[in-house]
Amino acid sequence: MEDFSAYAPDGSPCVFISGESERLGHITQCNMSMLKVFGFSRKDEVIGKDVEILMPRVYAKQHRKFLEAAL
């Protein structure tokens, strides 16, 4: 993987979400600032997980349907 810190050199929270069909909506990269904002302490807690873990439940419940409809 490339140096992810270049995308947020000021320390802003940053997360990459996959758009590939087999990993659609899965977190592929993030920085420490993003972890702190969402209450995580390690990248392995979020990498490979669905982005829905970062959303309030009211939105997360409908997110998969939204993604599938948008494609």
N, C-alpha and C. Protein backbone atom coordinates (compact mmCIF):
# COMPACT_ATOMS: atom_id res chain seq x y z
N MET A 1 0.83 -1.19 0.00
CA MET A 1 0.00 0.00 0.00
C MET A 1 0.87 1.25 0.00
N GLU A 2 0.34 2.27 -0.57
CA GLU A 2 1.07 3.53 -0.61
C GLU A 2 1.02 4.25 0.73
N ASP A 3 1.78 5.33 0.85
CA ASP A 3 1.81 6.11 2.08
C ASP A 3 0.51 6.88 2.23
N PHE A 4 -0.32 6.41 3.11
CA PHE A 4 -1.64 6.99 3.31
C PHE A 4 -1.59 8.36 3.97
N SER A 5 -0.55 8.65 4.72
CA SER A 5 -0.45 9.93 5.43
C SER A 5 -0.40 11.12 4.47
N ALA A 6 -0.03 10.90 3.23
CA ALA A 6 0.03 11.99 2.25
C ALA A 6 -1.36 12.55 1.93
N TYR A 7 -2.40 11.78 2.17
CA TYR A 7 -3.76 12.24 1.88
C TYR A 7 -4.31 13.18 2.94
N ALA A 8 -3.72 13.18 4.11
CA ALA A 8 -4.19 14.05 5.19
C ALA A 8 -2.98 14.51 6.02
N PRO A 9 -2.09 15.28 5.40
CA PRO A 9 -0.87 15.68 6.09
C PRO A 9 -1.12 16.55 7.31
N ASP A 10 -2.29 17.18 7.40
CA ASP A 10 -2.61 18.03 8.55
C ASP A 10 -3.24 17.25 9.69
N GLY A 11 -3.38 15.94 9.53
CA GLY A 11 -3.96 15.12 10.59
C GLY A 11 -5.47 15.01 10.55
N SER A 12 -6.08 15.51 9.48
CA SER A 12 -7.54 15.39 9.35
C SER A 12 -7.95 13.93 9.28
N PRO A 13 -9.10 13.58 9.85
CA PRO A 13 -9.57 12.20 9.74
C PRO A 13 -9.75 11.82 8.27
N CYS A 14 -9.29 10.63 7.91
CA CYS A 14 -9.36 10.21 6.52
C CYS A 14 -9.62 8.70 6.48
N VAL A 15 -10.52 8.31 5.59
CA VAL A 15 -10.85 6.89 5.43
C VAL A 15 -11.10 6.61 3.95
N PHE A 16 -10.63 5.47 3.47
CA PHE A 16 -10.89 5.03 2.10
C PHE A 16 -11.88 3.88 2.17
N ILE A 17 -12.90 3.96 1.31
CA ILE A 17 -13.94 2.93 1.23
C ILE A 17 -13.88 2.31 -0.16
N SER A 18 -13.90 1.00 -0.24
CA SER A 18 -13.81 0.31 -1.52
C SER A 18 -15.08 0.49 -2.36
N GLY A 19 -14.87 0.66 -3.65
CA GLY A 19 -15.97 0.71 -4.60
C GLY A 19 -15.99 -0.53 -5.49
N GLU A 20 -15.07 -1.46 -5.22
CA GLU A 20 -15.01 -2.70 -5.99
C GLU A 20 -16.18 -3.60 -5.61
N SER A 21 -16.77 -4.25 -6.57
CA SER A 21 -18.00 -5.02 -6.31
C SER A 21 -17.84 -6.08 -5.23
N GLU A 22 -16.71 -6.76 -5.17
CA GLU A 22 -16.54 -7.81 -4.17
C GLU A 22 -16.24 -7.27 -2.77
N ARG A 23 -15.86 -6.00 -2.68
CA ARG A 23 -15.58 -5.38 -1.37
C ARG A 23 -16.35 -4.06 -1.22
N LEU A 24 -17.44 -3.94 -1.89
CA LEU A 24 -18.21 -2.70 -1.91
C LEU A 24 -18.58 -2.22 -0.51
N GLY A 25 -18.16 -1.01 -0.19
CA GLY A 25 -18.49 -0.42 1.09
C GLY A 25 -17.58 -0.82 2.24
N HIS A 26 -16.51 -1.55 1.94
CA HIS A 26 -15.59 -1.97 3.00
C HIS A 26 -14.46 -0.96 3.16
N ILE A 27 -14.06 -0.74 4.39
CA ILE A 27 -12.96 0.18 4.71
C ILE A 27 -11.66 -0.47 4.30
N THR A 28 -10.87 0.23 3.48
CA THR A 28 -9.60 -0.32 3.02
C THR A 28 -8.40 0.35 3.69
N GLN A 29 -8.54 1.61 4.08
CA GLN A 29 -7.47 2.34 4.75
C GLN A 29 -8.07 3.42 5.63
N CYS A 30 -7.33 3.81 6.65
CA CYS A 30 -7.75 4.92 7.49
C CYS A 30 -6.53 5.45 8.23
N ASN A 31 -6.67 6.63 8.81
CA ASN A 31 -5.57 7.15 9.61
C ASN A 31 -5.97 7.18 11.09
N MET A 32 -5.02 7.48 11.93
CA MET A 32 -5.26 7.47 13.37
C MET A 32 -6.29 8.52 13.80
N SER A 33 -6.34 9.64 13.10
CA SER A 33 -7.33 10.67 13.43
C SER A 33 -8.75 10.13 13.26
N MET A 34 -8.97 9.38 12.20
CA MET A 34 -10.29 8.80 11.98
C MET A 34 -10.63 7.82 13.10
N LEU A 35 -9.66 7.03 13.51
CA LEU A 35 -9.91 6.08 14.59
C LEU A 35 -10.35 6.80 15.86
N LYS A 36 -9.66 7.88 16.19
CA LYS A 36 -9.99 8.64 17.39
C LYS A 36 -11.39 9.23 17.32
N VAL A 37 -11.76 9.78 16.17
CA VAL A 37 -13.09 10.39 16.00
C VAL A 37 -14.19 9.36 16.25
N PHE A 38 -13.99 8.14 15.78
CA PHE A 38 -15.03 7.12 15.89
C PHE A 38 -14.85 6.18 17.09
N GLY A 39 -13.85 6.45 17.93
CA GLY A 39 -13.70 5.69 19.16
C GLY A 39 -12.97 4.36 19.04
N PHE A 40 -12.17 4.20 18.01
CA PHE A 40 -11.37 2.99 17.84
C PHE A 40 -9.93 3.29 18.23
N SER A 41 -9.17 2.26 18.54
CA SER A 41 -7.78 2.47 18.92
C SER A 41 -6.79 1.81 17.97
N ARG A 42 -7.27 0.82 17.19
CA ARG A 42 -6.37 0.12 16.28
C ARG A 42 -7.01 0.01 14.89
N LYS A 43 -6.18 0.09 13.87
CA LYS A 43 -6.68 -0.01 12.49
C LYS A 43 -7.34 -1.35 12.21
N ASP A 44 -6.85 -2.41 12.82
CA ASP A 44 -7.43 -3.73 12.54
C ASP A 44 -8.87 -3.85 13.07
N GLU A 45 -9.32 -2.89 13.84
CA GLU A 45 -10.72 -2.87 14.29
C GLU A 45 -11.66 -2.42 13.18
N VAL A 46 -11.13 -1.74 12.16
CA VAL A 46 -11.99 -1.20 11.10
C VAL A 46 -11.62 -1.66 9.69
N ILE A 47 -10.34 -1.91 9.42
CA ILE A 47 -9.92 -2.32 8.08
C ILE A 47 -10.61 -3.64 7.71
N GLY A 48 -11.24 -3.64 6.54
CA GLY A 48 -11.95 -4.82 6.06
C GLY A 48 -13.39 -4.90 6.52
N LYS A 49 -13.78 -4.01 7.42
CA LYS A 49 -15.16 -3.99 7.91
C LYS A 49 -16.01 -3.09 7.01
N ASP A 50 -17.30 -3.29 7.08
CA ASP A 50 -18.22 -2.47 6.31
C ASP A 50 -18.28 -1.05 6.89
N VAL A 51 -18.35 -0.06 6.03
CA VAL A 51 -18.40 1.33 6.46
C VAL A 51 -19.59 1.60 7.39
N GLU A 52 -20.56 0.74 7.38
CA GLU A 52 -21.73 0.90 8.23
C GLU A 52 -21.37 0.95 9.72
N ILE A 53 -20.20 0.43 10.10
CA ILE A 53 -19.80 0.50 11.51
C ILE A 53 -19.54 1.93 11.96
N LEU A 54 -19.41 2.85 10.99
CA LEU A 54 -19.15 4.26 11.30
C LEU A 54 -20.42 5.10 11.31
N MET A 55 -21.55 4.48 10.99
CA MET A 55 -22.81 5.22 10.84
C MET A 55 -23.74 4.99 12.02
N PRO A 56 -24.59 5.96 12.29
CA PRO A 56 -25.67 5.70 13.25
C PRO A 56 -26.55 4.57 12.71
N ARG A 57 -27.08 3.75 13.59
CA ARG A 57 -27.86 2.57 13.18
C ARG A 57 -29.00 2.92 12.23
N VAL A 58 -29.64 4.06 12.45
CA VAL A 58 -30.78 4.42 11.61
C VAL A 58 -30.39 4.51 10.13
N TYR A 59 -29.15 4.92 9.85
CA TYR A 59 -28.67 4.99 8.47
C TYR A 59 -28.02 3.68 8.03
N ALA A 60 -27.31 3.04 8.94
CA ALA A 60 -26.61 1.80 8.60
C ALA A 60 -27.57 0.71 8.15
N LYS A 61 -28.76 0.67 8.74
CA LYS A 61 -29.74 -0.37 8.38
C LYS A 61 -30.12 -0.31 6.91
N GLN A 62 -30.11 0.87 6.32
CA GLN A 62 -30.54 1.05 4.94
C GLN A 62 -29.39 1.20 3.95
N HIS A 63 -28.18 1.27 4.45
CA HIS A 63 -27.03 1.61 3.60
C HIS A 63 -26.77 0.60 2.49
N ARG A 64 -26.82 -0.69 2.79
CA ARG A 64 -26.55 -1.72 1.78
C ARG A 64 -27.55 -1.62 0.62
N LYS A 65 -28.81 -1.41 0.94
CA LYS A 65 -29.84 -1.25 -0.10
C LYS A 65 -29.56 -0.02 -0.94
N PHE A 66 -29.13 1.05 -0.29
CA PHE A 66 -28.79 2.27 -1.01
C PHE A 66 -27.64 2.05 -1.98
N LEU A 67 -26.58 1.37 -1.53
CA LEU A 67 -25.45 1.09 -2.41
C LEU A 67 -25.86 0.26 -3.61
N GLU A 68 -26.61 -0.79 -3.36
CA GLU A 68 -27.03 -1.67 -4.45
C GLU A 68 -27.92 -0.96 -5.45
N ALA A 69 -28.79 -0.07 -4.96
CA ALA A 69 -29.67 0.68 -5.85
C ALA A 69 -28.88 1.71 -6.67
N ALA A 70 -27.82 2.24 -6.10
CA ALA A 70 -27.03 3.26 -6.78
C ALA A 70 -26.19 2.66 -7.90
N LEU A 71 -25.93 1.38 -7.85
CA LEU A 71 -25.13 0.74 -8.88
C LEU A 71 -26.04 0.19 -9.92
